[in-house]
C-alpha atoms as a PDB file:
ATOM      1  CA  MET A   1     -87.402  -0.377 -76.064  1.00  0.00           C
ATOM      2  CA  VAL A   2     -91.026   0.055 -75.836  1.00  0.00           C
ATOM      3  CA  SER A   3     -91.084  -0.018 -79.709  1.00  0.00           C
ATOM      4  CA  LEU A   4     -89.090  -3.173 -79.898  1.00  0.00           C
ATOM      5  CA  LEU A   5     -91.077  -5.256 -77.355  1.00  0.00           C
ATOM      6  CA  PHE A   6     -94.391  -3.914 -79.010  1.00  0.00           C
ATOM      7  CA  PHE A   7     -93.027  -5.434 -82.181  1.00  0.00           C
ATOM      8  CA  PHE A   8     -93.052  -9.048 -80.355  1.00  0.00           C
ATOM      9  CA  ARG A   9     -96.220  -8.427 -78.919  1.00  0.00           C
ATOM     10  CA  VAL A  10     -97.754  -8.012 -82.564  1.00  0.00           C
ATOM     11  CA  MET A  11     -96.074 -11.269 -83.497  1.00  0.00           C
ATOM     12  CA  GLN A  12     -97.667 -12.946 -80.625  1.00  0.00           C
ATOM     13  CA  ILE A  13    -101.103 -11.567 -81.461  1.00  0.00           C
ATOM     14  CA  GLU A  14    -100.740 -12.580 -85.349  1.00  0.00           C
ATOM     15  CA  THR A  15     -99.853 -15.910 -84.176  1.00  0.00           C
ATOM     16  CA  VAL A  16    -103.003 -16.401 -81.877  1.00  0.00           C
ATOM     17  CA  VAL A  17    -105.221 -15.260 -84.642  1.00  0.00           C
ATOM     18  CA  LYS A  18    -103.389 -17.306 -87.103  1.00  0.00           C
ATOM     19  CA  GLU A  19    -104.213 -20.470 -85.458  1.00  0.00           C
ATOM     20  CA  ALA A  20    -107.859 -19.460 -84.647  1.00  0.00           C
ATOM     21  CA  LEU A  21    -108.151 -18.690 -88.424  1.00  0.00           C
ATOM     22  CA  TYR A  22    -106.726 -22.240 -89.449  1.00  0.00           C
ATOM     23  CA  TYR A  23    -109.015 -23.858 -87.199  1.00  0.00           C
ATOM     24  CA  SER A  24    -112.215 -21.834 -88.132  1.00  0.00           C
ATOM     25  CA  SER A  25    -111.469 -22.377 -91.674  1.00  0.00           C
ATOM     26  CA  ARG A  26    -110.845 -25.980 -91.728  1.00  0.00           C
ATOM     27  CA  MET A  27    -114.062 -26.715 -89.650  1.00  0.00           C
ATOM     28  CA  THR A  28    -116.056 -24.431 -91.846  1.00  0.00           C
ATOM     29  CA  ALA A  29    -114.907 -26.248 -94.932  1.00  0.00           C
ATOM     30  CA  LEU A  30    -115.942 -29.724 -93.196  1.00  0.00           C
ATOM     31  CA  SER A  31    -119.623 -28.330 -92.204  1.00  0.00           C
ATOM     32  CA  CYS A  32    -120.002 -27.630 -95.895  1.00  0.00           C
ATOM     33  CA  CYS A  33    -120.738 -31.488 -96.483  1.00  0.00           C
ATOM     34  CA  VAL A  34    -123.824 -30.787 -94.634  1.00  0.00           C
ATOM     35  CA  ASN A  35    -125.059 -27.453 -95.409  1.00  0.00           C
ATOM     36  CA  ASP A  36    -124.702 -25.291 -98.844  1.00  0.00           C
ATOM     37  CA  SER A  37    -125.726 -21.918 -97.506  1.00  0.00           C
ATOM     38  CA  ASP A  38    -123.115 -19.124 -97.459  1.00  0.00           C
ATOM     39  CA  THR A  39    -124.886 -17.480 -94.571  1.00  0.00           C
ATOM     40  CA  VAL A  40    -124.530 -20.144 -92.489  1.00  0.00           C
ATOM     41  CA  SER A  41    -120.833 -20.918 -93.376  1.00  0.00           C
ATOM     42  CA  LEU A  42    -120.324 -17.531 -92.506  1.00  0.00           C
ATOM     43  CA  ALA A  43    -121.935 -17.744 -89.195  1.00  0.00           C
ATOM     44  CA  THR A  44    -120.013 -20.940 -88.373  1.00  0.00           C
ATOM     45  CA  ALA A  45    -116.732 -19.237 -89.223  1.00  0.00           C
ATOM     46  CA  LYS A  46    -117.556 -16.391 -86.988  1.00  0.00           C
ATOM     47  CA  ALA A  47    -118.602 -18.523 -84.037  1.00  0.00           C
ATOM     48  CA  LEU A  48    -115.592 -20.976 -84.436  1.00  0.00           C
ATOM     49  CA  LEU A  49    -113.137 -17.972 -84.636  1.00  0.00           C
ATOM     50  CA  LEU A  50    -114.636 -16.158 -81.393  1.00  0.00           C
ATOM     51  CA  SER A  51    -114.574 -19.661 -79.509  1.00  0.00           C
ATOM     52  CA  GLN A  52    -111.048 -19.915 -80.238  1.00  0.00           C
ATOM     53  CA  LEU A  53    -110.105 -16.264 -79.430  1.00  0.00           C
ATOM     54  CA  LYS A  54    -112.162 -15.479 -76.456  1.00  0.00           C
ATOM     55  CA  ASP A  55    -109.892 -16.952 -73.921  1.00  0.00           C
ATOM     56  CA  SER A  56    -106.884 -15.257 -75.010  1.00  0.00           C
ATOM     57  CA  ASP A  57    -105.554 -12.316 -72.852  1.00  0.00           C
ATOM     58  CA  VAL A  58    -103.398 -10.825 -75.598  1.00  0.00           C
ATOM     59  CA  ILE A  59    -106.727 -10.393 -77.835  1.00  0.00           C
ATOM     60  CA  LYS A  60    -108.445  -8.995 -74.688  1.00  0.00           C
ATOM     61  CA  ASP A  61    -105.685  -6.549 -73.758  1.00  0.00           C
ATOM     62  CA  TYR A  62    -104.107  -5.574 -77.128  1.00  0.00           C
ATOM     63  CA  VAL A  63    -106.671  -5.697 -79.497  1.00  0.00           C
ATOM     64  CA  ARG A  64    -109.123  -2.717 -79.958  1.00  0.00           C
ATOM     65  CA  GLY A  65    -112.454  -4.173 -78.848  1.00  0.00           C
ATOM     66  CA  GLY A  66    -111.408  -7.683 -77.861  1.00  0.00           C
ATOM     67  CA  CYS A  67    -112.690 -10.520 -79.326  1.00  0.00           C
ATOM     68  CA  ALA A  68    -115.611  -8.252 -80.757  1.00  0.00           C
ATOM     69  CA  GLY A  69    -113.062  -6.199 -82.747  1.00  0.00           C
ATOM     70  CA  VAL A  70    -112.285  -8.970 -85.043  1.00  0.00           C
ATOM     71  CA  SER A  71    -113.966  -8.552 -88.117  1.00  0.00           C
ATOM     72  CA  ILE A  72    -114.512 -11.402 -90.726  1.00  0.00           C
ATOM     73  CA  LEU A  73    -116.742  -9.353 -93.112  1.00  0.00           C
ATOM     74  CA  GLU A  74    -114.507  -9.671 -95.810  1.00  0.00           C
ATOM     75  CA  THR A  75    -114.524 -13.267 -96.044  1.00  0.00           C
ATOM     76  CA  GLU A  76    -115.020 -14.722 -99.371  1.00  0.00           C
ATOM     77  CA  LEU A  77    -117.043 -17.825-100.128  1.00  0.00           C
ATOM     78  CA  SER A  78    -116.627 -19.216-103.497  1.00  0.00           C
ATOM     79  CA  GLU A  79    -118.122 -22.449-105.049  1.00  0.00           C
ATOM     80  CA  ASP A  80    -115.166 -24.895-103.735  1.00  0.00           C
ATOM     81  CA  SER A  81    -113.371 -22.870-101.038  1.00  0.00           C
ATOM     82  CA  ILE A  82    -113.362 -20.624 -98.119  1.00  0.00           C
ATOM     83  CA  ASN A  83    -110.978 -17.721 -97.702  1.00  0.00           C
ATOM     84  CA  ILE A  84    -111.667 -16.355 -94.116  1.00  0.00           C
ATOM     85  CA  SER A  85    -110.315 -12.929 -93.935  1.00  0.00           C
ATOM     86  CA  ALA A  86    -109.837 -11.646 -90.093  1.00  0.00           C
ATOM     87  CA  ARG A  87    -109.332  -7.637 -89.858  1.00  0.00           C
ATOM     88  CA  TYR A  88    -108.770  -6.191 -86.400  1.00  0.00           C
ATOM     89  CA  LYS A  89    -106.815  -3.267 -84.826  1.00  0.00           C
ATOM     90  CA  ILE A  90    -103.866  -3.341 -82.266  1.00  0.00           C
ATOM     91  CA  LYS A  91    -103.646  -0.801 -79.728  1.00  0.00           C
ATOM     92  CA  LEU A  92    -100.372   1.345 -79.505  1.00  0.00           C
ATOM     93  CA  PRO A  93     -98.619   1.337 -76.232  1.00  0.00           C
ATOM     94  CA  ILE A  94     -98.338   5.001 -76.398  1.00  0.00           C
ATOM     95  CA  ASN A  95    -100.545   7.715 -77.762  1.00  0.00           C
ATOM     96  CA  PHE A  96     -99.257   8.947 -81.353  1.00  0.00           C
ATOM     97  CA  TRP A  97    -101.157  11.880 -82.358  1.00  0.00           C
ATOM     98  CA  THR A  98    -104.345  10.784 -84.051  1.00  0.00           C
ATOM     99  CA  ILE A  99    -103.464   7.237 -84.838  1.00  0.00           C
ATOM    100  CA  ASP A 100    -105.454   5.029 -82.464  1.00  0.00           C
ATOM    101  CA  GLY A 101    -103.727   1.855 -83.918  1.00  0.00           C
ATOM    102  CA  ILE A 102    -102.348  -0.880 -86.549  1.00  0.00           C
ATOM    103  CA  THR A 103    -104.621  -2.283 -88.746  1.00  0.00           C
ATOM    104  CA  VAL A 104    -103.829  -6.294 -89.420  1.00  0.00           C
ATOM    105  CA  GLU A 105    -105.318  -8.378 -91.864  1.00  0.00           C
ATOM    106  CA  GLN A 106    -105.020 -12.021 -91.970  1.00  0.00           C
ATOM    107  CA  HIS A 107    -106.074 -14.949 -94.063  1.00  0.00           C
ATOM    108  CA  SER A 108    -106.931 -18.784 -94.174  1.00  0.00           C
ATOM    109  CA  LEU A 109    -107.906 -20.627 -97.250  1.00  0.00           C
ATOM    110  CA  SER A 110    -109.578 -23.929 -97.178  1.00  0.00           C
ATOM    111  CA  HIS A 111    -111.164 -26.178 -99.931  1.00  0.00           C
ATOM    112  CA  LYS A 112    -114.924 -27.066 -99.164  1.00  0.00           C
ATOM    113  CA  TRP A 113    -115.128 -30.586 -98.078  1.00  0.00           C
ATOM    114  CA  THR A 114    -117.671 -31.497-100.771  1.00  0.00           C
ATOM    115  CA  GLY A 115    -116.831 -34.970-101.836  1.00  0.00           C
ATOM    116  CA  LYS A 116    -115.050 -35.796-105.084  1.00  0.00           C
ATOM    117  CA  VAL A 117    -116.560 -35.805-108.579  1.00  0.00           C
ATOM    118  CA  VAL A 118    -115.287 -38.621-110.688  1.00  0.00           C
ATOM    119  CA  ASP A 119    -115.022 -38.039-114.303  1.00  0.00           C
ATOM    120  CA  GLU A 120    -114.755 -41.393-116.387  1.00  0.00           C
ATOM    121  CA  SER A 121    -114.234 -39.652-119.520  1.00  0.00           C
ATOM    122  CA  ASP A 122    -110.956 -37.843-118.529  1.00  0.00           C
ATOM    123  CA  PRO A 123    -108.474 -38.600-120.660  1.00  0.00           C
ATOM    124  CA  ASP A 124    -105.441 -38.239-118.159  1.00  0.00           C
ATOM    125  CA  PRO A 125    -107.246 -39.734-115.004  1.00  0.00           C
ATOM    126  CA  TYR A 126    -105.599 -39.827-111.643  1.00  0.00           C
ATOM    127  CA  VAL A 127    -103.546 -43.138-110.681  1.00  0.00           C
ATOM    128  CA  TYR A 128    -102.087 -44.678-107.584  1.00  0.00           C
ATOM    129  CA  TYR A 129     -98.495 -46.370-107.143  1.00  0.00           C
ATOM    130  CA  THR A 130     -96.337 -47.201-104.132  1.00  0.00           C
ATOM    131  CA  GLU A 131     -92.925 -45.617-103.626  1.00  0.00           C
ATOM    132  CA  TYR A 132     -90.791 -48.750-104.687  1.00  0.00           C
ATOM    133  CA  GLY A 133     -93.528 -50.280-106.937  1.00  0.00           C
ATOM    134  CA  SER A 134     -93.233 -50.878-110.693  1.00  0.00           C
ATOM    135  CA  VAL A 135     -97.025 -50.802-111.733  1.00  0.00           C
ATOM    136  CA  TYR A 136     -99.631 -48.321-111.122  1.00  0.00           C
ATOM    137  CA  HIS A 137    -103.335 -48.743-109.869  1.00  0.00           C
ATOM    138  CA  THR A 138    -106.393 -47.242-111.285  1.00  0.00           C
ATOM    139  CA  SER A 139    -108.059 -47.431-107.915  1.00  0.00           C
ATOM    140  CA  LYS A 140    -106.672 -46.947-104.495  1.00  0.00           C
ATOM    141  CA  LYS A 141    -109.114 -49.826-103.192  1.00  0.00           C
ATOM    142  CA  CYS A 142    -107.115 -52.372-105.241  1.00  0.00           C
ATOM    143  CA  PRO A 143    -105.964 -55.141-103.004  1.00  0.00           C
ATOM    144  CA  TYR A 144    -102.528 -54.840-103.741  1.00  0.00           C
ATOM    145  CA  LEU A 145    -102.579 -51.509-102.136  1.00  0.00           C
ATOM    146  CA  ASP A 146    -104.452 -52.749 -99.307  1.00  0.00           C
ATOM    147  CA  LEU A 147    -102.131 -54.931 -97.076  1.00  0.00           C
ATOM    148  CA  SER A 148    -104.775 -56.830 -95.204  1.00  0.00           C
ATOM    149  CA  ILE A 149    -102.222 -57.658 -92.496  1.00  0.00           C
ATOM    150  CA  ARG A 150    -103.150 -60.924 -90.494  1.00  0.00           C
ATOM    151  CA  SER A 151    -101.327 -62.876 -87.500  1.00  0.00           C
ATOM    152  CA  VAL A 152    -100.636 -66.226 -88.144  1.00  0.00           C
ATOM    153  CA  SER A 153     -98.697 -69.317 -86.389  1.00  0.00           C
ATOM    154  CA  ARG A 154     -95.002 -69.397 -87.351  1.00  0.00           C
ATOM    155  CA  THR A 155     -95.052 -73.226 -87.458  1.00  0.00           C
ATOM    156  CA  GLY A 156     -98.105 -73.330 -89.742  1.00  0.00           C
ATOM    157  CA  VAL A 157     -97.055 -70.436 -92.197  1.00  0.00           C
ATOM    158  CA  GLY A 158     -95.243 -73.017 -94.120  1.00  0.00           C
ATOM    159  CA  SER A 159     -98.549 -74.458 -95.290  1.00  0.00           C
ATOM    160  CA  LEU A 160    -100.184 -71.229 -96.431  1.00  0.00           C
ATOM    161  CA  ARG A 161    -100.361 -69.850 -99.788  1.00  0.00           C
ATOM    162  CA  ASN A 162    -101.186 -66.001-100.634  1.00  0.00           C
ATOM    163  CA  LYS A 163    -104.241 -65.371-102.842  1.00  0.00           C
ATOM    164  CA  SER A 164    -102.108 -65.822-105.854  1.00  0.00           C
ATOM    165  CA  GLY A 165    -101.267 -69.417-104.892  1.00  0.00           C
ATOM    166  CA  ARG A 166     -97.447 -68.637-103.758  1.00  0.00           C
ATOM    167  CA  LYS A 167     -95.832 -69.601-100.710  1.00  0.00           C
ATOM    168  CA  TYR A 168     -94.698 -67.455 -97.951  1.00  0.00           C
ATOM    169  CA  SER A 169     -90.717 -67.224 -97.252  1.00  0.00           C
ATOM    170  CA  ALA A 170     -89.000 -65.682 -94.437  1.00  0.00           C
ATOM    171  CA  CYS A 171     -88.544 -61.752 -94.452  1.00  0.00           C
ATOM    172  CA  SER A 172     -85.256 -60.673 -93.300  1.00  0.00           C
ATOM    173  CA  CYS A 173     -86.573 -59.365 -90.243  1.00  0.00           C
ATOM    174  CA  ALA A 174     -88.151 -62.952 -89.429  1.00  0.00           C
ATOM    175  CA  ALA A 175     -85.310 -64.931 -90.787  1.00  0.00           C
ATOM    176  CA  GLU A 176     -83.178 -65.381 -87.336  1.00  0.00           C
ATOM    177  CA  GLU A 177     -86.299 -65.113 -85.029  1.00  0.00           C
ATOM    178  CA  ILE A 178     -86.981 -68.988 -84.593  1.00  0.00           C
ATOM    179  CA  SER A 179     -88.657 -68.470 -81.181  1.00  0.00           C
ATOM    180  CA  LEU A 180     -91.649 -66.367 -82.690  1.00  0.00           C
ATOM    181  CA  LYS A 181     -94.864 -67.940 -81.948  1.00  0.00           C
ATOM    182  CA  ASN A 182     -96.888 -65.863 -84.480  1.00  0.00           C
ATOM    183  CA  VAL A 183     -95.693 -64.011 -87.603  1.00  0.00           C
ATOM    184  CA  TYR A 184     -97.344 -61.594 -89.949  1.00  0.00           C
ATOM    185  CA  ILE A 185     -98.523 -61.982 -93.377  1.00  0.00           C
ATOM    186  CA  THR A 186    -100.782 -60.201 -96.221  1.00  0.00           C
ATOM    187  CA  ASP A 187    -103.028 -61.448 -98.880  1.00  0.00           C
ATOM    188  CA  TYR A 188    -100.810 -60.939-101.842  1.00  0.00           C
ATOM    189  CA  GLY A 189     -97.399 -60.703 -99.955  1.00  0.00           C
ATOM    190  CA  ILE A 190     -94.590 -63.399-100.491  1.00  0.00           C
ATOM    191  CA  GLU A 191     -92.886 -63.115 -97.171  1.00  0.00           C
ATOM    192  CA  TYR A 192     -93.669 -63.301 -93.295  1.00  0.00           C
ATOM    193  CA  HIS A 193     -92.574 -60.875 -90.874  1.00  0.00           C
ATOM    194  CA  ALA A 194     -91.312 -60.656 -87.223  1.00  0.00           C
ATOM    195  CA  SER A 195     -92.814 -57.403 -86.487  1.00  0.00           C
ATOM    196  CA  LEU A 196     -95.616 -54.768 -87.565  1.00  0.00           C
ATOM    197  CA  LYS A 197     -92.741 -52.273 -87.601  1.00  0.00           C
ATOM    198  CA  CYS A 198     -91.260 -53.924 -90.643  1.00  0.00           C
ATOM    199  CA  PRO A 199     -90.693 -51.509 -93.405  1.00  0.00           C
ATOM    200  CA  ASP A 200     -91.943 -53.827 -96.122  1.00  0.00           C
ATOM    201  CA  LEU A 201     -95.441 -53.917 -94.232  1.00  0.00           C
ATOM    202  CA  LYS A 202     -95.858 -50.254 -94.644  1.00  0.00           C
ATOM    203  CA  ARG A 203     -97.174 -48.667 -98.204  1.00  0.00           C
ATOM    204  CA  ILE A 204     -96.575 -45.125 -99.074  1.00  0.00           C
ATOM    205  CA  ILE A 205     -99.057 -44.636-101.799  1.00  0.00           C
ATOM    206  CA  HIS A 206     -98.578 -41.502-104.209  1.00  0.00           C
ATOM    207  CA  VAL A 207    -101.283 -40.115-106.664  1.00  0.00           C
ATOM    208  CA  SER A 208    -100.335 -38.720-109.824  1.00  0.00           C
ATOM    209  CA  ARG A 209    -101.876 -38.137-113.352  1.00  0.00           C
ATOM    210  CA  LEU A 210    -101.350 -41.159-115.859  1.00  0.00           C
ATOM    211  CA  SER A 211     -99.409 -39.266-117.946  1.00  0.00           C
ATOM    212  CA  ASP A 212     -96.564 -38.580-115.193  1.00  0.00           C
ATOM    213  CA  VAL A 213     -96.067 -42.396-114.672  1.00  0.00           C
ATOM    214  CA  LYS A 214     -94.226 -43.243-117.601  1.00  0.00           C
ATOM    215  CA  GLY A 215     -92.523 -46.509-117.530  1.00  0.00           C
ATOM    216  CA  MET A 216     -94.716 -48.147-115.230  1.00  0.00           C
ATOM    217  CA  ARG A 217     -97.309 -50.793-116.385  1.00  0.00           C
ATOM    218  CA  LYS A 218    -100.850 -51.249-115.317  1.00  0.00           C
ATOM    219  CA  CYS A 219    -101.472 -53.549-112.179  1.00  0.00           C
ATOM    220  CA  ALA A 220    -103.019 -56.961-113.192  1.00  0.00           C
ATOM    221  CA  LYS A 221    -105.756 -56.639-110.850  1.00  0.00           C
ATOM    222  CA  CYS A 222    -106.888 -53.380-112.167  1.00  0.00           C
ATOM    223  CA  LYS A 223    -106.842 -54.589-115.708  1.00  0.00           C
ATOM    224  CA  GLY A 224    -109.245 -57.146-114.803  1.00  0.00           C
ATOM    225  CA  GLU A 225    -111.704 -54.654-113.443  1.00  0.00           C
END
């Protein structure tokens, strides 16, 4: 019974350390945008990890040495990523000859947040497309990807035109809502909507290599770049 309960205690400790590792790894990766020193990154990771573990009773009671017993000396810092490695020893509930605990090692890998390098000579660049779109875009800043939603008067929407010169017609969500005072339109859309929750006002943007979007043509706006 003691062994069974100890097994669940080990799982609890590993969960606490895992969450602390994930937080410290992500925040250390973020800090790399303002420093490029491995020494500073390692110190930051250690401080963040201890800040997450210091108030945990299971760490104090069941890890040998408490927070101070959690070592990250095996942490690896490469050019692009941070692999924080936490090693600690869990106390046994009963004395077992010369064994003084169970050594556990956990890892959390995060990519350093150092920005993006754009290689314009890439023969197979990344492109962007929407879930139901038939074209791809070379820039995620393309106006067709940016909905630019705005509210307008329902009575005046008939005289408005989108940036392509086309009139707005009623979306199915607004066709029967004749009592509406205001509706929603986008710069390049061809319909007006009754609610911001309308599915047609949402854009799920996918990123893929150009070679993987076979059958799609290039966006007209992106062609004119």
